[in-house]
Amino acid sequence: MATLLENKIISRIKAEGRITFEQFMAMALYDPEFGYYRSPDLVIGKGGDFYTSAHLHPVFGSMLGKQIAEMWEFFGRPAEFTIIEVGGGEGHICRDMLMYLQGSPFFDALRYVIVEINPAMQQKQKILLSSPAATEGSVPGGQPGVLPAGKVAWASSLSEIEAVACGCIFSNELFDAFPVHLVEMAEELTEIYITVREDSLVEESGPLSSKAVADYFNGMKIILDRGYRTEANIRIRDWFGDVSRILAEGFVLTIDYGYLGRDYYSEDRNRGTLICYHRHQANEEPLRNIGMQDITCHVDFSAVKTWGEEAGFRTVGLSSQGAFLVSLGIDEEIGKLSSASEDYLFELARIKKLVLPQGMGDSHMVMLQYKGGGDPAAKPVLRGFSLRNQMKYL
């Protein structure tokens, strides 16, 4: 049975003609009425379709807080330092980070903004951040009680945020949810469109929809074999334009699952990386459960580097999530838990999923990009990238 959103897409195509897969994915995820990420019933974590690192253990937010505090130190402890989290999930990273930092000199200087398009999710975040209820696991070094009122502000989009003099814009699993162009190599590169046949949505191929898609593959020097299908996440480039307008000086910290460009378009990945999640089950059928399932793609971090540089951000760090957390001293926090936790072995098992290759330790990458004054050749070296900085492979 067709969903309400599927019927809406069918009506659009009948009225206007076929749409690109990117336009379809944008509606499937972000349609104001029926889009997956706009649903008031969206749940992330145990009861939803997927979970993120933030749901495994509060130490993840603690380590991010430790790293961003070092950014504040790098800039000479400015009186105001703004943290902008784009796509705040249910608010766990914000809460865990601020609980960890509360009582430190940095806490008084920081201003926190969550960018969240879903009003219902904003409300969940506000309830969590105003509640003294414990999270699943201990916050290492965290302070008891609730966060002070007014410490966190909200925006529905980056366009609502005024210029920031100094700060950090960070995201956890944001880029993978950007709508992508789907392409396939025939005699030449073609694009996948969505059309209607017998009142059902189906794929069909056609010429590239824009010069930007061709420029992406030409600019990145990507050569595809006949029959190769993959994606182009061009919206990341526009995102950096917005970020550059907002942030005068500071860092962009990106955490997501993805690959270097040479690995993203390798021969053994000839069907691309697009995947859907419905009730914690993966499938490769984006034209089913429309508006009721997540659609996602891995991130090409080589493209993120290029587009960041175009917007004025120099890449200064790239690491696996596991190496990033180990570099920051997650073992020190685990040591604190061993004496403070009432269920240490349970907490340790969840933390291992953040760090080890079998979990998110290798699947997720962490990238740091920087924009600042002074010597253009100078590159800040932060602790999270002190062990295995893979920048040279981009």
Protein backbone atom coordinates (compact mmCIF):
# COMPACT_ATOMS: atom_id res chain seq x y z
CA MET A 1 0.00 0.00 0.00
CA ALA A 2 1.40 3.40 -0.99
CA THR A 3 2.30 5.85 1.76
CA LEU A 4 0.92 9.40 1.81
CA LEU A 5 4.32 10.69 0.74
CA GLU A 6 4.56 8.21 -2.11
CA ASN A 7 1.21 9.45 -3.43
CA LYS A 8 2.43 13.03 -3.10
CA ILE A 9 5.55 12.26 -5.13
CA ILE A 10 3.51 10.43 -7.77
CA SER A 11 1.21 13.45 -8.10
CA ARG A 12 4.19 15.77 -8.50
CA ILE A 13 5.74 13.63 -11.22
CA LYS A 14 2.45 13.35 -13.10
CA ALA A 15 2.12 17.14 -13.01
CA GLU A 16 5.74 18.18 -13.61
CA GLY A 17 7.54 15.20 -15.14
CA ARG A 18 10.24 12.91 -13.80
CA ILE A 19 12.51 14.04 -10.97
CA THR A 20 16.13 13.25 -10.16
CA PHE A 21 16.88 10.72 -7.45
CA GLU A 22 18.27 13.64 -5.46
CA GLN A 23 14.90 15.39 -5.59
CA PHE A 24 13.16 12.16 -4.62
CA MET A 25 15.52 11.61 -1.67
CA ALA A 26 15.00 15.21 -0.53
CA MET A 27 11.24 14.65 -0.42
CA ALA A 28 11.54 11.20 1.18
CA LEU A 29 13.64 12.58 4.02
CA TYR A 30 12.70 16.25 4.38
CA ASP A 31 9.21 16.86 2.94
CA PRO A 32 7.57 19.26 5.46
CA GLU A 33 4.43 17.12 5.73
CA PHE A 34 5.59 13.53 5.46
CA GLY A 35 9.41 13.42 5.26
CA TYR A 36 11.22 10.86 7.41
CA TYR A 37 13.31 13.42 9.31
CA ARG A 38 10.33 15.77 9.74
CA SER A 39 8.10 13.17 11.39
CA PRO A 40 6.93 13.91 14.95
CA ASP A 41 7.30 10.17 15.59
CA LEU A 42 10.99 9.99 14.64
CA VAL A 43 12.96 7.97 17.19
CA ILE A 44 16.73 7.51 17.17
CA GLY A 45 18.27 4.69 19.12
CA LYS A 46 16.85 1.47 20.56
CA GLY A 47 13.24 2.08 19.47
CA GLY A 48 14.02 3.62 16.08
CA ASP A 49 15.52 2.62 12.76
CA PHE A 50 19.17 3.35 13.62
CA TYR A 51 21.43 4.53 16.41
CA THR A 52 24.51 6.74 16.54
CA SER A 53 27.63 6.88 18.71
CA ALA A 54 25.82 9.20 21.10
CA HIS A 55 23.48 6.36 22.08
CA LEU A 56 26.25 3.98 23.06
CA HIS A 57 27.77 5.86 25.99
CA PRO A 58 28.02 9.42 27.40
CA VAL A 59 31.81 9.23 27.16
CA PHE A 60 31.43 10.02 23.45
CA GLY A 61 30.06 13.49 24.22
CA SER A 62 32.65 13.90 26.98
CA MET A 63 35.52 13.30 24.56
CA LEU A 64 34.07 15.79 22.08
CA GLY A 65 33.84 18.30 24.90
CA LYS A 66 37.49 17.70 25.76
CA GLN A 67 38.51 18.25 22.13
CA ILE A 68 36.46 21.44 21.69
CA ALA A 69 37.83 22.80 24.97
CA GLU A 70 41.30 22.45 23.43
CA MET A 71 40.09 24.55 20.48
CA TRP A 72 39.10 27.27 22.95
CA GLU A 73 42.57 27.08 24.49
CA PHE A 74 44.14 27.33 21.02
CA PHE A 75 42.40 30.65 20.43
CA GLY A 76 43.67 32.04 23.74
CA ARG A 77 40.53 31.44 25.82
CA PRO A 78 38.21 34.02 24.21
CA ALA A 79 35.40 35.40 26.38
CA GLU A 80 32.84 33.80 24.06
CA PHE A 81 33.20 30.62 22.05
CA THR A 82 30.18 29.29 20.15
CA ILE A 83 29.53 25.59 19.57
CA ILE A 84 27.04 24.93 16.77
CA GLU A 85 25.81 21.35 16.51
CA VAL A 86 24.06 20.73 13.20
CA GLY A 87 21.52 17.93 13.50
CA GLY A 88 21.42 17.38 17.24
CA GLY A 89 19.60 14.05 17.30
CA GLU A 90 17.78 13.69 20.60
CA GLY A 91 20.26 15.99 22.38
CA HIS A 92 22.52 13.36 23.95
CA ILE A 93 25.82 14.76 22.68
CA CYS A 94 24.92 18.25 23.85
CA ARG A 95 23.90 17.03 27.29
CA ASP A 96 26.87 14.72 27.77
CA MET A 97 29.34 17.34 26.54
CA LEU A 98 27.98 20.12 28.74
CA MET A 99 27.69 17.90 31.81
CA TYR A 100 31.34 16.96 31.31
CA LEU A 101 32.43 20.59 30.88
CA GLN A 102 30.28 22.06 33.64
CA GLY A 103 32.47 23.56 36.33
CA SER A 104 35.43 24.15 33.97
CA PRO A 105 36.64 27.62 32.91
CA PHE A 106 35.53 26.84 29.36
CA PHE A 107 31.93 26.26 30.41
CA ASP A 108 31.42 29.91 31.31
CA ALA A 109 32.71 31.06 27.92
CA LEU A 110 30.83 28.64 25.70
CA ARG A 111 27.54 29.30 23.95
CA TYR A 112 25.76 26.28 22.48
CA VAL A 113 23.39 26.28 19.51
CA ILE A 114 21.58 23.23 18.12
CA VAL A 115 20.40 23.41 14.50
CA GLU A 116 17.38 21.11 14.19
CA ILE A 117 14.72 21.23 11.45
CA ASN A 118 12.22 18.95 13.19
CA PRO A 119 10.07 20.82 15.77
CA ALA A 120 9.18 17.58 17.58
CA MET A 121 12.86 16.65 17.85
CA GLN A 122 13.65 20.13 19.16
CA GLN A 123 11.10 19.54 21.89
CA LYS A 124 12.69 16.19 22.79
CA GLN A 125 16.06 17.94 23.04
CA LYS A 126 14.67 20.65 25.31
CA ILE A 127 13.08 18.09 27.62
CA LEU A 128 16.29 16.07 27.85
CA LEU A 129 18.47 19.11 28.47
CA SER A 130 16.22 20.41 31.22
CA SER A 131 15.91 17.06 32.97
CA PRO A 132 18.12 15.72 35.77
CA ALA A 133 17.36 12.15 34.68
CA ALA A 134 20.42 9.96 34.31
CA THR A 135 21.62 8.74 30.92
CA GLU A 136 22.50 5.10 30.19
CA GLY A 137 26.01 5.16 31.57
CA SER A 138 28.12 7.51 33.63
CA VAL A 139 29.45 10.85 32.39
CA PRO A 140 33.16 10.73 33.28
CA GLY A 141 34.05 13.79 35.31
CA GLY A 142 30.50 15.08 34.85
CA GLN A 143 28.80 17.34 37.34
CA PRO A 144 25.53 16.29 38.99
CA GLY A 145 22.29 18.22 38.58
CA VAL A 146 20.81 19.98 35.58
CA LEU A 147 22.26 22.39 33.05
CA PRO A 148 21.68 26.10 33.66
CA ALA A 149 18.70 27.56 31.80
CA GLY A 150 19.60 29.50 28.69
CA LYS A 151 22.87 27.71 28.04
CA VAL A 152 21.52 26.17 24.82
CA ALA A 153 19.73 27.97 21.98
CA TRP A 154 17.98 26.51 18.92
CA ALA A 155 17.71 27.31 15.23
CA SER A 156 15.84 25.54 12.44
CA SER A 157 18.55 26.15 9.84
CA LEU A 158 22.02 27.64 9.48
CA SER A 159 20.46 30.65 7.73
CA GLU A 160 18.93 31.71 11.06
CA ILE A 161 22.32 31.99 12.78
CA GLU A 162 24.12 35.30 12.87
CA ALA A 163 27.86 35.61 12.33
CA VAL A 164 30.05 33.97 14.96
CA ALA A 165 33.44 35.51 15.78
CA CYS A 166 35.03 32.31 17.11
CA GLY A 167 33.73 28.80 17.55
CA CYS A 168 33.28 25.25 16.32
CA ILE A 169 30.61 23.87 14.00
CA PHE A 170 30.34 20.14 14.41
CA SER A 171 28.12 17.33 13.22
CA ASN A 172 27.73 13.63 13.90
CA GLU A 173 26.25 11.65 11.00
CA LEU A 174 24.93 14.68 9.13
CA PHE A 175 26.45 14.51 5.64
CA ASP A 176 25.33 10.91 5.11
CA ALA A 177 21.71 12.13 5.24
CA PHE A 178 22.13 14.77 2.52
CA PRO A 179 20.18 13.95 -0.68
CA VAL A 180 22.51 12.64 -3.38
CA HIS A 181 22.54 12.41 -7.16
CA LEU A 182 22.53 8.78 -8.29
CA VAL A 183 24.54 8.09 -11.44
CA GLU A 184 25.51 5.12 -13.60
CA MET A 185 28.16 4.76 -16.29
CA ALA A 186 26.87 3.62 -19.69
CA GLU A 187 28.49 4.86 -22.92
CA GLU A 188 28.80 8.04 -20.90
CA LEU A 189 27.82 9.05 -17.39
CA THR A 190 24.05 9.03 -16.94
CA GLU A 191 21.81 10.05 -14.07
CA ILE A 192 19.06 8.06 -12.37
CA TYR A 193 15.63 9.67 -12.39
CA ILE A 194 12.38 8.64 -10.70
CA THR A 195 9.24 8.45 -12.83
CA VAL A 196 5.78 6.85 -12.72
CA ARG A 197 4.65 3.72 -14.55
CA GLU A 198 1.26 2.15 -13.86
CA ASP A 199 0.92 4.37 -10.79
CA SER A 200 4.17 3.09 -9.29
CA LEU A 201 7.51 4.83 -8.84
CA VAL A 202 10.31 3.38 -10.94
CA GLU A 203 13.83 4.34 -11.97
CA GLU A 204 14.92 5.43 -15.42
CA SER A 205 18.22 6.80 -16.65
CA GLY A 206 18.85 9.95 -18.62
CA PRO A 207 21.39 12.73 -19.22
CA LEU A 208 23.04 14.40 -16.24
CA SER A 209 20.67 16.90 -14.67
CA SER A 210 23.25 19.64 -14.19
CA LYS A 211 26.79 20.70 -14.99
CA ALA A 212 27.55 20.46 -11.26
CA VAL A 213 27.26 16.67 -11.38
CA ALA A 214 29.68 16.43 -14.31
CA ASP A 215 32.03 18.90 -12.61
CA TYR A 216 32.06 16.74 -9.49
CA PHE A 217 33.38 13.67 -11.27
CA ASN A 218 35.71 15.62 -13.55
CA GLY A 219 37.05 17.77 -10.71
CA MET A 220 37.74 14.78 -8.47
CA LYS A 221 39.27 12.90 -11.45
CA ILE A 222 36.91 9.97 -10.89
CA ILE A 223 36.91 7.34 -13.66
CA LEU A 224 34.10 4.77 -13.61
CA ASP A 225 33.81 1.49 -15.52
CA ARG A 226 30.74 0.68 -17.59
CA GLY A 227 27.86 -0.42 -15.38
CA TYR A 228 29.30 1.27 -12.29
CA ARG A 229 26.62 2.93 -10.15
CA THR A 230 27.41 5.44 -7.42
CA GLU A 231 26.45 8.76 -5.84
CA ALA A 232 27.46 12.42 -5.81
CA ASN A 233 26.77 14.35 -2.60
CA ILE A 234 26.98 17.87 -4.00
CA ARG A 235 24.97 19.49 -1.21
CA ILE A 236 28.03 19.33 1.03
CA ARG A 237 29.58 22.07 -1.11
CA ASP A 238 26.61 24.40 -0.51
CA TRP A 239 26.72 23.58 3.20
CA PHE A 240 30.30 24.82 3.44
CA GLY A 241 29.23 28.07 1.80
CA ASP A 242 26.72 28.61 4.63
CA VAL A 243 29.26 27.65 7.28
CA SER A 244 31.88 30.01 5.88
CA ARG A 245 29.40 32.88 6.05
CA ILE A 246 28.66 32.18 9.71
CA LEU A 247 32.08 31.36 11.15
CA ALA A 248 34.70 34.10 11.02
CA GLU A 249 37.34 32.02 12.80
CA GLY A 250 37.29 28.51 14.15
CA PHE A 251 36.91 24.84 13.36
CA VAL A 252 34.58 22.48 11.53
CA LEU A 253 34.53 19.03 13.15
CA THR A 254 32.79 16.33 11.10
CA ILE A 255 32.08 12.76 12.22
CA ASP A 256 30.50 10.36 9.77
CA TYR A 257 30.90 7.00 8.11
CA GLY A 258 32.72 7.20 4.81
CA TYR A 259 35.89 6.69 2.83
CA LEU A 260 38.73 8.50 1.16
CA GLY A 261 37.90 9.24 -2.49
CA ARG A 262 40.14 6.49 -3.84
CA ASP A 263 38.32 3.92 -1.70
CA TYR A 264 34.83 5.32 -2.24
CA TYR A 265 35.06 4.72 -6.00
CA SER A 266 37.05 1.49 -5.91
CA GLU A 267 36.24 -1.41 -8.25
CA ASP A 268 34.64 -3.50 -5.52
CA ARG A 269 32.17 -0.73 -4.64
CA ASN A 270 30.54 -0.69 -8.08
CA ARG A 271 26.95 -0.52 -6.75
CA GLY A 272 27.61 2.54 -4.63
CA THR A 273 26.98 2.96 -0.92
CA LEU A 274 23.28 3.90 -0.80
CA ILE A 275 21.38 1.97 1.86
CA CYS A 276 18.08 2.25 3.71
CA TYR A 277 17.18 1.45 7.32
CA HIS A 278 13.74 0.45 8.54
CA ARG A 279 13.28 -0.87 12.09
CA HIS A 280 17.01 -1.57 12.40
CA GLN A 281 16.94 -3.69 9.23
CA ALA A 282 19.00 -2.66 6.20
CA ASN A 283 17.70 -2.82 2.65
CA GLU A 284 18.63 -1.42 -0.77
CA GLU A 285 15.14 -0.39 -1.85
CA PRO A 286 14.65 3.38 -1.50
CA LEU A 287 11.33 3.22 -3.39
CA ARG A 288 9.60 1.33 -0.60
CA ASN A 289 8.51 2.55 2.86
CA ILE A 290 8.77 6.08 1.48
CA GLY A 291 8.82 8.58 4.34
CA MET A 292 9.03 5.75 6.85
CA GLN A 293 12.67 4.67 6.41
CA ASP A 294 16.06 6.31 6.50
CA ILE A 295 18.02 6.63 3.24
CA THR A 296 21.73 7.21 3.59
CA CYS A 297 25.08 7.15 1.76
CA HIS A 298 28.67 7.08 2.90
CA VAL A 299 30.72 10.27 2.73
CA ASP A 300 33.59 10.98 0.34
CA PHE A 301 36.02 12.71 2.69
CA SER A 302 38.30 13.71 -0.17
CA ALA A 303 35.42 15.79 -1.54
CA VAL A 304 34.78 17.24 1.93
CA LYS A 305 38.42 18.37 2.04
CA THR A 306 38.21 19.97 -1.43
CA TRP A 307 34.95 21.80 -0.79
CA GLY A 308 36.08 22.92 2.65
CA GLU A 309 39.19 24.44 1.13
CA GLU A 310 37.11 26.23 -1.51
CA ALA A 311 35.17 27.83 1.36
CA GLY A 312 38.34 28.87 3.21
CA PHE A 313 38.79 25.93 5.62
CA ARG A 314 42.12 24.09 5.69
CA THR A 315 41.99 20.42 6.60
CA VAL A 316 44.21 19.81 9.61
CA GLY A 317 43.12 16.37 10.75
CA LEU A 318 41.58 13.10 9.58
CA SER A 319 41.35 10.03 11.76
CA SER A 320 39.24 6.98 12.37
CA GLN A 321 36.84 7.47 15.26
CA GLY A 322 38.65 4.84 17.27
CA ALA A 323 42.05 6.50 16.91
CA PHE A 324 40.49 9.90 17.61
CA LEU A 325 39.00 8.75 20.92
CA VAL A 326 42.16 6.91 21.97
CA SER A 327 44.24 10.00 21.14
CA LEU A 328 41.98 12.07 23.39
CA GLY A 329 42.59 9.71 26.29
CA ILE A 330 39.40 7.68 26.42
CA ASP A 331 41.40 5.10 28.39
CA GLU A 332 41.77 7.70 31.16
CA GLU A 333 37.99 8.09 31.32
CA ILE A 334 37.51 4.32 31.32
CA GLY A 335 39.86 4.18 34.30
CA LYS A 336 37.65 6.65 36.18
CA LEU A 337 34.59 4.55 35.42
CA SER A 338 36.19 1.41 36.85
CA SER A 339 35.91 2.84 40.34
CA ALA A 340 32.78 4.97 39.91
CA SER A 341 30.42 2.84 37.83
CA GLU A 342 27.84 0.49 39.32
CA ASP A 343 27.91 -1.66 36.15
CA TYR A 344 31.42 -1.23 34.81
CA LEU A 345 31.50 -4.27 32.52
CA PHE A 346 28.25 -3.24 30.80
CA GLU A 347 29.53 0.29 30.27
CA LEU A 348 32.91 -0.98 29.04
CA ALA A 349 31.22 -3.19 26.43
CA ARG A 350 29.33 -0.18 25.04
CA ILE A 351 32.46 1.99 24.99
CA LYS A 352 34.33 -0.70 23.05
CA LYS A 353 31.77 -0.34 20.24
CA LEU A 354 32.85 3.29 19.89
CA VAL A 355 36.52 2.42 19.56
CA LEU A 356 37.09 -1.06 18.15
CA PRO A 357 37.16 -1.85 14.40
CA GLN A 358 34.27 -4.30 14.80
CA GLY A 359 32.06 -1.40 15.89
CA MET A 360 32.26 2.26 14.91
CA GLY A 361 35.99 2.59 15.54
CA ASP A 362 36.93 2.11 11.87
CA SER A 363 33.64 2.67 10.03
CA HIS A 364 33.40 6.28 11.20
CA MET A 365 35.91 8.99 10.34
CA VAL A 366 36.59 12.29 12.09
CA MET A 367 37.72 15.31 10.06
CA LEU A 368 38.93 18.65 11.40
CA GLN A 369 39.02 21.79 9.24
CA TYR A 370 40.23 25.22 10.31
CA LYS A 371 39.79 28.85 9.35
CA GLY A 372 41.77 31.52 11.15
CA GLY A 373 44.11 34.45 10.90
CA GLY A 374 47.85 34.61 11.22
CA ASP A 375 50.34 32.53 9.24
CA PRO A 376 48.38 30.72 6.48
CA ALA A 377 50.91 27.87 6.64
CA ALA A 378 50.34 27.33 10.36
CA LYS A 379 48.16 24.34 11.18
CA PRO A 380 46.83 23.77 14.69
CA VAL A 381 47.63 20.33 16.01
CA LEU A 382 44.96 19.07 18.37
CA ARG A 383 45.18 16.04 20.61
CA GLY A 384 42.48 14.01 18.86
CA PHE A 385 44.67 13.72 15.76
CA SER A 386 48.01 13.12 17.46
CA LEU A 387 48.22 9.35 16.87
CA ARG A 388 46.97 8.49 13.37
CA ASN A 389 46.40 11.56 11.27
CA GLN A 390 45.51 10.29 7.77
CA MET A 391 45.45 13.70 6.07
CA LYS A 392 48.21 12.81 3.64
CA TYR A 393 46.00 10.14 2.03
CA LEU A 394 43.18 12.51 1.06
